[in-house]
PDB file of N, CA and C in Angstrom:
ATOM      1  N   MET A   1     -38.125  22.019   0.425  1.00  0.00           N
ATOM      2  CA  MET A   1     -38.167  20.615   0.178  1.00  0.00           C
ATOM      3  C   MET A   1     -37.805  19.843   1.439  1.00  0.00           C
ATOM      4  N   THR A   2     -36.843  20.334   2.172  1.00  0.00           N
ATOM      5  CA  THR A   2     -36.443  19.657   3.400  1.00  0.00           C
ATOM      6  C   THR A   2     -37.606  19.567   4.374  1.00  0.00           C
ATOM      7  N   LYS A   3     -38.376  20.647   4.476  1.00  0.00           N
ATOM      8  CA  LYS A   3     -39.542  20.652   5.364  1.00  0.00           C
ATOM      9  C   LYS A   3     -40.553  19.590   4.946  1.00  0.00           C
ATOM     10  N   ALA A   4     -40.784  19.461   3.655  1.00  0.00           N
ATOM     11  CA  ALA A   4     -41.746  18.478   3.150  1.00  0.00           C
ATOM     12  C   ALA A   4     -41.286  17.059   3.461  1.00  0.00           C
ATOM     13  N   LEU A   5     -39.989  16.788   3.325  1.00  0.00           N
ATOM     14  CA  LEU A   5     -39.471  15.455   3.644  1.00  0.00           C
ATOM     15  C   LEU A   5     -39.660  15.141   5.120  1.00  0.00           C
ATOM     16  N   ARG A   6     -39.318  16.087   5.968  1.00  0.00           N
ATOM     17  CA  ARG A   6     -39.468  15.864   7.411  1.00  0.00           C
ATOM     18  C   ARG A   6     -40.928  15.682   7.793  1.00  0.00           C
ATOM     19  N   ALA A   7     -41.832  16.384   7.139  1.00  0.00           N
ATOM     20  CA  ALA A   7     -43.261  16.272   7.442  1.00  0.00           C
ATOM     21  C   ALA A   7     -43.797  14.874   7.151  1.00  0.00           C
ATOM     22  N   THR A   8     -43.178  14.171   6.210  1.00  0.00           N
ATOM     23  CA  THR A   8     -43.619  12.810   5.886  1.00  0.00           C
ATOM     24  C   THR A   8     -42.903  11.758   6.719  1.00  0.00           C
ATOM     25  N   GLY A   9     -41.966  12.198   7.562  1.00  0.00           N
ATOM     26  CA  GLY A   9     -41.237  11.261   8.400  1.00  0.00           C
ATOM     27  C   GLY A   9     -39.916  10.811   7.805  1.00  0.00           C
ATOM     28  N   LEU A  10     -39.577  11.297   6.623  1.00  0.00           N
ATOM     29  CA  LEU A  10     -38.303  10.946   5.995  1.00  0.00           C
ATOM     30  C   LEU A  10     -37.206  11.867   6.517  1.00  0.00           C
ATOM     31  N   PRO A  11     -35.964  11.389   6.550  1.00  0.00           N
ATOM     32  CA  PRO A  11     -34.872  12.276   6.963  1.00  0.00           C
ATOM     33  C   PRO A  11     -34.639  13.362   5.913  1.00  0.00           C
ATOM     34  N   ALA A  12     -34.104  14.476   6.340  1.00  0.00           N
ATOM     35  CA  ALA A  12     -33.885  15.603   5.430  1.00  0.00           C
ATOM     36  C   ALA A  12     -32.934  15.245   4.301  1.00  0.00           C
ATOM     37  N   GLY A  13     -31.904  14.477   4.580  1.00  0.00           N
ATOM     38  CA  GLY A  13     -30.990  14.027   3.533  1.00  0.00           C
ATOM     39  C   GLY A  13     -30.126  15.129   2.966  1.00  0.00           C
ATOM     40  N   GLU A  14     -29.639  14.905   1.775  1.00  0.00           N
ATOM     41  CA  GLU A  14     -28.731  15.830   1.098  1.00  0.00           C
ATOM     42  C   GLU A  14     -29.483  16.502  -0.045  1.00  0.00           C
ATOM     43  N   VAL A  15     -29.329  17.810  -0.185  1.00  0.00           N
ATOM     44  CA  VAL A  15     -30.014  18.554  -1.237  1.00  0.00           C
ATOM     45  C   VAL A  15     -28.971  19.133  -2.186  1.00  0.00           C
ATOM     46  N   ASP A  16     -29.150  18.892  -3.475  1.00  0.00           N
ATOM     47  CA  ASP A  16     -28.257  19.430  -4.500  1.00  0.00           C
ATOM     48  C   ASP A  16     -29.085  20.371  -5.363  1.00  0.00           C
ATOM     49  N   LEU A  17     -28.723  21.642  -5.412  1.00  0.00           N
ATOM     50  CA  LEU A  17     -29.493  22.656  -6.128  1.00  0.00           C
ATOM     51  C   LEU A  17     -28.720  23.131  -7.347  1.00  0.00           C
ATOM     52  N   THR A  18     -29.390  23.123  -8.491  1.00  0.00           N
ATOM     53  CA  THR A  18     -28.804  23.632  -9.722  1.00  0.00           C
ATOM     54  C   THR A  18     -29.769  24.654 -10.310  1.00  0.00           C
ATOM     55  N   ALA A  19     -29.270  25.805 -10.693  1.00  0.00           N
ATOM     56  CA  ALA A  19     -30.122  26.843 -11.279  1.00  0.00           C
ATOM     57  C   ALA A  19     -29.598  27.220 -12.655  1.00  0.00           C
ATOM     58  N   ALA A  20     -30.524  27.431 -13.595  1.00  0.00           N
ATOM     59  CA  ALA A  20     -30.146  27.778 -14.962  1.00  0.00           C
ATOM     60  C   ALA A  20     -30.111  29.281 -15.191  1.00  0.00           C
ATOM     61  N   GLY A  21     -30.672  30.049 -14.281  1.00  0.00           N
ATOM     62  CA  GLY A  21     -30.683  31.500 -14.446  1.00  0.00           C
ATOM     63  C   GLY A  21     -31.750  31.956 -15.426  1.00  0.00           C
ATOM     64  N   GLN A  22     -31.643  33.184 -15.891  1.00  0.00           N
ATOM     65  CA  GLN A  22     -32.663  33.741 -16.765  1.00  0.00           C
ATOM     66  C   GLN A  22     -32.177  33.935 -18.191  1.00  0.00           C
ATOM     67  N   SER A  23     -31.008  33.420 -18.537  1.00  0.00           N
ATOM     68  CA  SER A  23     -30.546  33.569 -19.918  1.00  0.00           C
ATOM     69  C   SER A  23     -31.497  32.830 -20.847  1.00  0.00           C
ATOM     70  N   GLY A  24     -31.848  33.446 -21.932  1.00  0.00           N
ATOM     71  CA  GLY A  24     -32.776  32.831 -22.879  1.00  0.00           C
ATOM     72  C   GLY A  24     -34.233  32.986 -22.495  1.00  0.00           C
ATOM     73  N   SER A  25     -34.514  33.817 -21.493  1.00  0.00           N
ATOM     74  CA  SER A  25     -35.899  33.966 -21.043  1.00  0.00           C
ATOM     75  C   SER A  25     -36.574  35.148 -21.734  1.00  0.00           C
ATOM     76  N   VAL A  26     -36.686  35.059 -23.043  1.00  0.00           N
ATOM     77  CA  VAL A  26     -37.311  36.120 -23.834  1.00  0.00           C
ATOM     78  C   VAL A  26     -38.563  35.555 -24.491  1.00  0.00           C
ATOM     79  N   THR A  27     -39.684  36.275 -24.342  1.00  0.00           N
ATOM     80  CA  THR A  27     -40.940  35.835 -24.942  1.00  0.00           C
ATOM     81  C   THR A  27     -40.934  36.111 -26.443  1.00  0.00           C
ATOM     82  N   ALA A  28     -41.933  35.617 -27.141  1.00  0.00           N
ATOM     83  CA  ALA A  28     -42.037  35.828 -28.588  1.00  0.00           C
ATOM     84  C   ALA A  28     -42.116  37.312 -28.941  1.00  0.00           C
ATOM     85  N   SER A  29     -42.694  38.130 -28.036  1.00  0.00           N
ATOM     86  CA  SER A  29     -42.808  39.571 -28.293  1.00  0.00           C
ATOM     87  C   SER A  29     -41.537  40.338 -27.914  1.00  0.00           C
ATOM     88  N   GLY A  30     -40.518  39.640 -27.394  1.00  0.00           N
ATOM     89  CA  GLY A  30     -39.255  40.291 -27.058  1.00  0.00           C
ATOM     90  C   GLY A  30     -39.117  40.710 -25.610  1.00  0.00           C
ATOM     91  N   ASP A  31     -40.138  40.444 -24.787  1.00  0.00           N
ATOM     92  CA  ASP A  31     -40.065  40.795 -23.363  1.00  0.00           C
ATOM     93  C   ASP A  31     -39.157  39.823 -22.621  1.00  0.00           C
ATOM     94  N   ASN A  32     -38.383  40.343 -21.685  1.00  0.00           N
ATOM     95  CA  ASN A  32     -37.572  39.489 -20.814  1.00  0.00           C
ATOM     96  C   ASN A  32     -38.427  39.041 -19.642  1.00  0.00           C
ATOM     97  N   ARG A  33     -38.705  37.767 -19.568  1.00  0.00           N
ATOM     98  CA  ARG A  33     -39.487  37.205 -18.468  1.00  0.00           C
ATOM     99  C   ARG A  33     -38.941  35.827 -18.130  1.00  0.00           C
ATOM    100  N   PRO A  34     -38.939  35.490 -16.846  1.00  0.00           N
ATOM    101  CA  PRO A  34     -38.527  34.137 -16.486  1.00  0.00           C
ATOM    102  C   PRO A  34     -39.524  33.120 -17.043  1.00  0.00           C
ATOM    103  N   LEU A  35     -39.056  32.225 -17.866  1.00  0.00           N
ATOM    104  CA  LEU A  35     -39.951  31.255 -18.499  1.00  0.00           C
ATOM    105  C   LEU A  35     -39.792  29.854 -17.918  1.00  0.00           C
ATOM    106  N   ARG A  36     -38.674  29.591 -17.286  1.00  0.00           N
ATOM    107  CA  ARG A  36     -38.420  28.240 -16.769  1.00  0.00           C
ATOM    108  C   ARG A  36     -38.852  28.151 -15.316  1.00  0.00           C
ATOM    109  N   ARG A  37     -40.068  27.789 -15.113  1.00  0.00           N
ATOM    110  CA  ARG A  37     -40.573  27.625 -13.746  1.00  0.00           C
ATOM    111  C   ARG A  37     -40.835  26.146 -13.526  1.00  0.00           C
ATOM    112  N   ARG A  38     -39.777  25.410 -13.371  1.00  0.00           N
ATOM    113  CA  ARG A  38     -39.887  23.961 -13.279  1.00  0.00           C
ATOM    114  C   ARG A  38     -38.914  23.459 -12.224  1.00  0.00           C
ATOM    115  N   ALA A  39     -39.340  22.465 -11.514  1.00  0.00           N
ATOM    116  CA  ALA A  39     -38.454  21.825 -10.536  1.00  0.00           C
ATOM    117  C   ALA A  39     -38.523  20.323 -10.739  1.00  0.00           C
ATOM    118  N   ASP A  40     -37.373  19.705 -10.849  1.00  0.00           N
ATOM    119  CA  ASP A  40     -37.292  18.247 -10.910  1.00  0.00           C
ATOM    120  C   ASP A  40     -36.776  17.773  -9.563  1.00  0.00           C
ATOM    121  N   VAL A  41     -37.556  16.948  -8.899  1.00  0.00           N
ATOM    122  CA  VAL A  41     -37.160  16.424  -7.597  1.00  0.00           C
ATOM    123  C   VAL A  41     -36.992  14.922  -7.733  1.00  0.00           C
ATOM    124  N   THR A  42     -35.806  14.427  -7.382  1.00  0.00           N
ATOM    125  CA  THR A  42     -35.520  12.999  -7.439  1.00  0.00           C
ATOM    126  C   THR A  42     -35.153  12.522  -6.046  1.00  0.00           C
ATOM    127  N   LEU A  43     -35.862  11.520  -5.569  1.00  0.00           N
ATOM    128  CA  LEU A  43     -35.546  10.934  -4.271  1.00  0.00           C
ATOM    129  C   LEU A  43     -34.857   9.604  -4.502  1.00  0.00           C
ATOM    130  N   LYS A  44     -33.697   9.427  -3.920  1.00  0.00           N
ATOM    131  CA  LYS A  44     -32.984   8.153  -3.981  1.00  0.00           C
ATOM    132  C   LYS A  44     -33.010   7.579  -2.573  1.00  0.00           C
ATOM    133  N   LEU A  45     -33.833   6.563  -2.380  1.00  0.00           N
ATOM    134  CA  LEU A  45     -34.010   5.987  -1.050  1.00  0.00           C
ATOM    135  C   LEU A  45     -33.147   4.749  -0.888  1.00  0.00           C
ATOM    136  N   SER A  46     -32.631   4.551   0.306  1.00  0.00           N
ATOM    137  CA  SER A  46     -31.835   3.362   0.604  1.00  0.00           C
ATOM    138  C   SER A  46     -32.123   2.934   2.039  1.00  0.00           C
ATOM    139  N   SER A  47     -31.634   1.784   2.392  1.00  0.00           N
ATOM    140  CA  SER A  47     -31.807   1.285   3.756  1.00  0.00           C
ATOM    141  C   SER A  47     -31.025   2.165   4.727  1.00  0.00           C
ATOM    142  N   PRO A  48     -31.528   2.300   5.944  1.00  0.00           N
ATOM    143  CA  PRO A  48     -30.792   3.102   6.933  1.00  0.00           C
ATOM    144  C   PRO A  48     -29.424   2.490   7.224  1.00  0.00           C
ATOM    145  N   ARG A  49     -28.456   3.339   7.504  1.00  0.00           N
ATOM    146  CA  ARG A  49     -27.117   2.860   7.874  1.00  0.00           C
ATOM    147  C   ARG A  49     -27.158   2.282   9.276  1.00  0.00           C
ATOM    148  N   LYS A  50     -26.363   1.243   9.492  1.00  0.00           N
ATOM    149  CA  LYS A  50     -26.324   0.616  10.824  1.00  0.00           C
ATOM    150  C   LYS A  50     -25.050   0.922  11.523  1.00  0.00           C
TER     151      LYS A  50
END
């Protein structure tokens, strides 16, 4: 994500990462598989500091 921000000309900023792990990742047939493949990215932009 930091690379993508820099590529657009935005500063890298602060990154906060939260992971839920694989608990509860069981399919209907009983197989253990990672089911949560989702990323929520929120950008909070403000004026540059002087």
